[in-house]
Amino acid sequence: MERVRREYKNTGNMMLAAGIMNLLSAVGWGLGMIFTLFFACLSVFYIIPFVIAIFEIICGSTAAAERPSSNIKLVAILGLISAGLMGNVVSIILEILVLVNLSRPEVEDFYMGRG
């Protein structure tokens, strides 16, 4: 059980790092598009990755504190999509590692509250 908690905590730390990187990318892309007059109308589309990054930071900090969170896999998938849309390669790698760790049966039992 201690190994599962450690894996879950490491997953939370990776998700927290990916969320912070996605947040910085969303802010950077949004501000960059606001300051270029041609793409100013498209800057609204970076609000969605910004919100996903906030959810990712919340779920990552919950997992880092070793508290079960039933929606962590959904947030990780949304974070992967968001990182892909923004072209954030490091965050994509971290999100893939998070999803690999979350798909293990014993870790899944822990974050769903069954273990």
C-alpha atoms as a PDB file:
ATOM      1  CA  MET A   1       0.000   0.000   0.000  1.00  0.00           C
ATOM      2  CA  GLU A   2       2.894   2.360   0.711  1.00  0.00           C
ATOM      3  CA  ARG A   3       4.236   1.845  -2.824  1.00  0.00           C
ATOM      4  CA  VAL A   4       0.839   2.728  -4.302  1.00  0.00           C
ATOM      5  CA  ARG A   5       0.679   5.915  -2.215  1.00  0.00           C
ATOM      6  CA  ARG A   6       4.177   6.889  -3.359  1.00  0.00           C
ATOM      7  CA  GLU A   7       3.292   6.276  -7.029  1.00  0.00           C
ATOM      8  CA  TYR A   8       0.111   8.311  -6.632  1.00  0.00           C
ATOM      9  CA  LYS A   9       2.037  11.139  -4.967  1.00  0.00           C
ATOM     10  CA  ASN A  10       4.642  11.119  -7.761  1.00  0.00           C
ATOM     11  CA  THR A  11       1.819  11.191 -10.289  1.00  0.00           C
ATOM     12  CA  GLY A  12       0.364  14.207  -8.500  1.00  0.00           C
ATOM     13  CA  ASN A  13       3.705  15.994  -8.579  1.00  0.00           C
ATOM     14  CA  MET A  14       4.067  15.343 -12.324  1.00  0.00           C
ATOM     15  CA  MET A  15       0.514  16.537 -12.902  1.00  0.00           C
ATOM     16  CA  LEU A  16       1.168  19.653 -10.847  1.00  0.00           C
ATOM     17  CA  ALA A  17       4.279  20.456 -12.902  1.00  0.00           C
ATOM     18  CA  ALA A  18       2.402  19.848 -16.161  1.00  0.00           C
ATOM     19  CA  GLY A  19      -0.455  22.066 -14.981  1.00  0.00           C
ATOM     20  CA  ILE A  20       1.889  24.924 -14.130  1.00  0.00           C
ATOM     21  CA  MET A  21       3.574  24.606 -17.524  1.00  0.00           C
ATOM     22  CA  ASN A  22       0.189  24.532 -19.283  1.00  0.00           C
ATOM     23  CA  LEU A  23      -0.886  27.595 -17.315  1.00  0.00           C
ATOM     24  CA  LEU A  24       2.220  29.508 -18.355  1.00  0.00           C
ATOM     25  CA  SER A  25       1.779  28.410 -21.973  1.00  0.00           C
ATOM     26  CA  ALA A  26      -1.873  29.461 -22.025  1.00  0.00           C
ATOM     27  CA  VAL A  27      -1.040  32.857 -20.564  1.00  0.00           C
ATOM     28  CA  GLY A  28       1.845  33.309 -22.999  1.00  0.00           C
ATOM     29  CA  TRP A  29      -0.167  32.305 -26.067  1.00  0.00           C
ATOM     30  CA  GLY A  30      -3.148  34.390 -24.948  1.00  0.00           C
ATOM     31  CA  LEU A  31      -1.073  37.507 -24.324  1.00  0.00           C
ATOM     32  CA  GLY A  32       0.855  36.994 -27.548  1.00  0.00           C
ATOM     33  CA  MET A  33      -2.367  36.853 -29.503  1.00  0.00           C
ATOM     34  CA  ILE A  34      -3.837  39.862 -27.732  1.00  0.00           C
ATOM     35  CA  PHE A  35      -0.817  41.976 -28.626  1.00  0.00           C
ATOM     36  CA  THR A  36      -0.958  41.015 -32.286  1.00  0.00           C
ATOM     37  CA  LEU A  37      -3.967  42.808 -33.654  1.00  0.00           C
ATOM     38  CA  PHE A  38      -4.626  40.239 -36.371  1.00  0.00           C
ATOM     39  CA  PHE A  39      -5.138  37.351 -33.904  1.00  0.00           C
ATOM     40  CA  ALA A  40      -6.784  39.348 -31.099  1.00  0.00           C
ATOM     41  CA  CYS A  41     -10.140  37.670 -31.674  1.00  0.00           C
ATOM     42  CA  LEU A  42      -8.547  34.204 -31.303  1.00  0.00           C
ATOM     43  CA  SER A  43      -7.136  34.937 -27.835  1.00  0.00           C
ATOM     44  CA  VAL A  44     -10.497  33.912 -26.351  1.00  0.00           C
ATOM     45  CA  PHE A  45      -9.729  30.295 -27.293  1.00  0.00           C
ATOM     46  CA  TYR A  46      -6.863  30.203 -24.795  1.00  0.00           C
ATOM     47  CA  ILE A  47      -9.253  30.706 -21.892  1.00  0.00           C
ATOM     48  CA  ILE A  48     -10.209  27.007 -22.114  1.00  0.00           C
ATOM     49  CA  PRO A  49      -6.599  25.714 -21.737  1.00  0.00           C
ATOM     50  CA  PHE A  50      -6.170  28.244 -18.916  1.00  0.00           C
ATOM     51  CA  VAL A  51      -9.153  26.780 -17.037  1.00  0.00           C
ATOM     52  CA  ILE A  52      -7.997  23.212 -17.721  1.00  0.00           C
ATOM     53  CA  ALA A  53      -4.562  24.111 -16.318  1.00  0.00           C
ATOM     54  CA  ILE A  54      -6.203  25.452 -13.139  1.00  0.00           C
ATOM     55  CA  PHE A  55      -8.132  22.168 -12.737  1.00  0.00           C
ATOM     56  CA  GLU A  56      -4.919  20.274 -13.365  1.00  0.00           C
ATOM     57  CA  ILE A  57      -3.102  22.190 -10.640  1.00  0.00           C
ATOM     58  CA  ILE A  58      -5.962  21.515  -8.207  1.00  0.00           C
ATOM     59  CA  CYS A  59      -6.079  17.770  -8.986  1.00  0.00           C
ATOM     60  CA  GLY A  60      -2.279  17.517  -8.961  1.00  0.00           C
ATOM     61  CA  SER A  61      -2.020  19.132  -5.549  1.00  0.00           C
ATOM     62  CA  THR A  62      -4.776  16.835  -4.258  1.00  0.00           C
ATOM     63  CA  ALA A  63      -2.884  13.791  -5.525  1.00  0.00           C
ATOM     64  CA  ALA A  64       0.417  15.101  -4.163  1.00  0.00           C
ATOM     65  CA  ALA A  65      -1.247  15.271  -0.744  1.00  0.00           C
ATOM     66  CA  GLU A  66      -2.216  11.580  -1.202  1.00  0.00           C
ATOM     67  CA  ARG A  67      -5.950  12.295  -1.157  1.00  0.00           C
ATOM     68  CA  PRO A  68      -8.079  10.287  -3.613  1.00  0.00           C
ATOM     69  CA  SER A  69      -9.655  12.223  -6.479  1.00  0.00           C
ATOM     70  CA  SER A  70     -12.082  10.361  -8.725  1.00  0.00           C
ATOM     71  CA  ASN A  71     -11.853  12.784 -11.666  1.00  0.00           C
ATOM     72  CA  ILE A  72      -8.056  12.908 -11.908  1.00  0.00           C
ATOM     73  CA  LYS A  73      -7.893  10.753 -15.038  1.00  0.00           C
ATOM     74  CA  LEU A  74     -10.365  12.980 -16.902  1.00  0.00           C
ATOM     75  CA  VAL A  75      -8.398  16.085 -15.974  1.00  0.00           C
ATOM     76  CA  ALA A  76      -5.165  14.398 -17.097  1.00  0.00           C
ATOM     77  CA  ILE A  77      -6.692  13.579 -20.495  1.00  0.00           C
ATOM     78  CA  LEU A  78      -7.957  17.151 -20.887  1.00  0.00           C
ATOM     79  CA  GLY A  79      -4.508  18.419 -19.894  1.00  0.00           C
ATOM     80  CA  LEU A  80      -2.921  16.211 -22.552  1.00  0.00           C
ATOM     81  CA  ILE A  81      -5.256  17.597 -25.204  1.00  0.00           C
ATOM     82  CA  SER A  82      -4.604  21.146 -24.013  1.00  0.00           C
ATOM     83  CA  ALA A  83      -0.832  20.642 -24.048  1.00  0.00           C
ATOM     84  CA  GLY A  84      -1.066  19.199 -27.544  1.00  0.00           C
ATOM     85  CA  LEU A  85      -3.036  22.176 -28.812  1.00  0.00           C
ATOM     86  CA  MET A  86      -0.522  24.606 -27.357  1.00  0.00           C
ATOM     87  CA  GLY A  87       2.510  22.621 -28.531  1.00  0.00           C
ATOM     88  CA  ASN A  88       3.940  22.208 -25.030  1.00  0.00           C
ATOM     89  CA  VAL A  89       6.202  19.166 -25.532  1.00  0.00           C
ATOM     90  CA  VAL A  90       7.432  18.792 -21.943  1.00  0.00           C
ATOM     91  CA  SER A  91       3.896  18.940 -20.629  1.00  0.00           C
ATOM     92  CA  ILE A  92       2.800  16.321 -23.182  1.00  0.00           C
ATOM     93  CA  ILE A  93       5.493  13.948 -21.910  1.00  0.00           C
ATOM     94  CA  LEU A  94       4.515  14.576 -18.288  1.00  0.00           C
ATOM     95  CA  GLU A  95       0.832  14.010 -19.087  1.00  0.00           C
ATOM     96  CA  ILE A  96       1.600  10.711 -20.815  1.00  0.00           C
ATOM     97  CA  LEU A  97       3.562   9.585 -17.747  1.00  0.00           C
ATOM     98  CA  VAL A  98       0.666  10.640 -15.519  1.00  0.00           C
ATOM     99  CA  LEU A  99      -1.803   8.618 -17.587  1.00  0.00           C
ATOM    100  CA  VAL A 100       0.494   5.582 -17.572  1.00  0.00           C
ATOM    101  CA  ASN A 101       0.735   5.728 -13.777  1.00  0.00           C
ATOM    102  CA  LEU A 102      -3.002   6.284 -13.365  1.00  0.00           C
ATOM    103  CA  SER A 103      -3.885   3.294 -15.548  1.00  0.00           C
ATOM    104  CA  ARG A 104      -2.245   0.798 -13.190  1.00  0.00           C
ATOM    105  CA  PRO A 105      -4.990  -1.211 -11.433  1.00  0.00           C
ATOM    106  CA  GLU A 106      -3.691  -0.726  -7.889  1.00  0.00           C
ATOM    107  CA  VAL A 107      -3.306   3.041  -8.358  1.00  0.00           C
ATOM    108  CA  GLU A 108      -6.746   3.209  -9.943  1.00  0.00           C
ATOM    109  CA  ASP A 109      -8.234   1.425  -6.934  1.00  0.00           C
ATOM    110  CA  PHE A 110      -6.550   3.955  -4.644  1.00  0.00           C
ATOM    111  CA  TYR A 111      -7.743   7.134  -6.385  1.00  0.00           C
ATOM    112  CA  MET A 112     -11.252   5.765  -6.824  1.00  0.00           C
ATOM    113  CA  GLY A 113     -11.364   5.217  -3.050  1.00  0.00           C
ATOM    114  CA  ARG A 114     -11.528   1.421  -3.197  1.00  0.00           C
ATOM    115  CA  GLY A 115      -8.122   0.736  -1.697  1.00  0.00           C
END
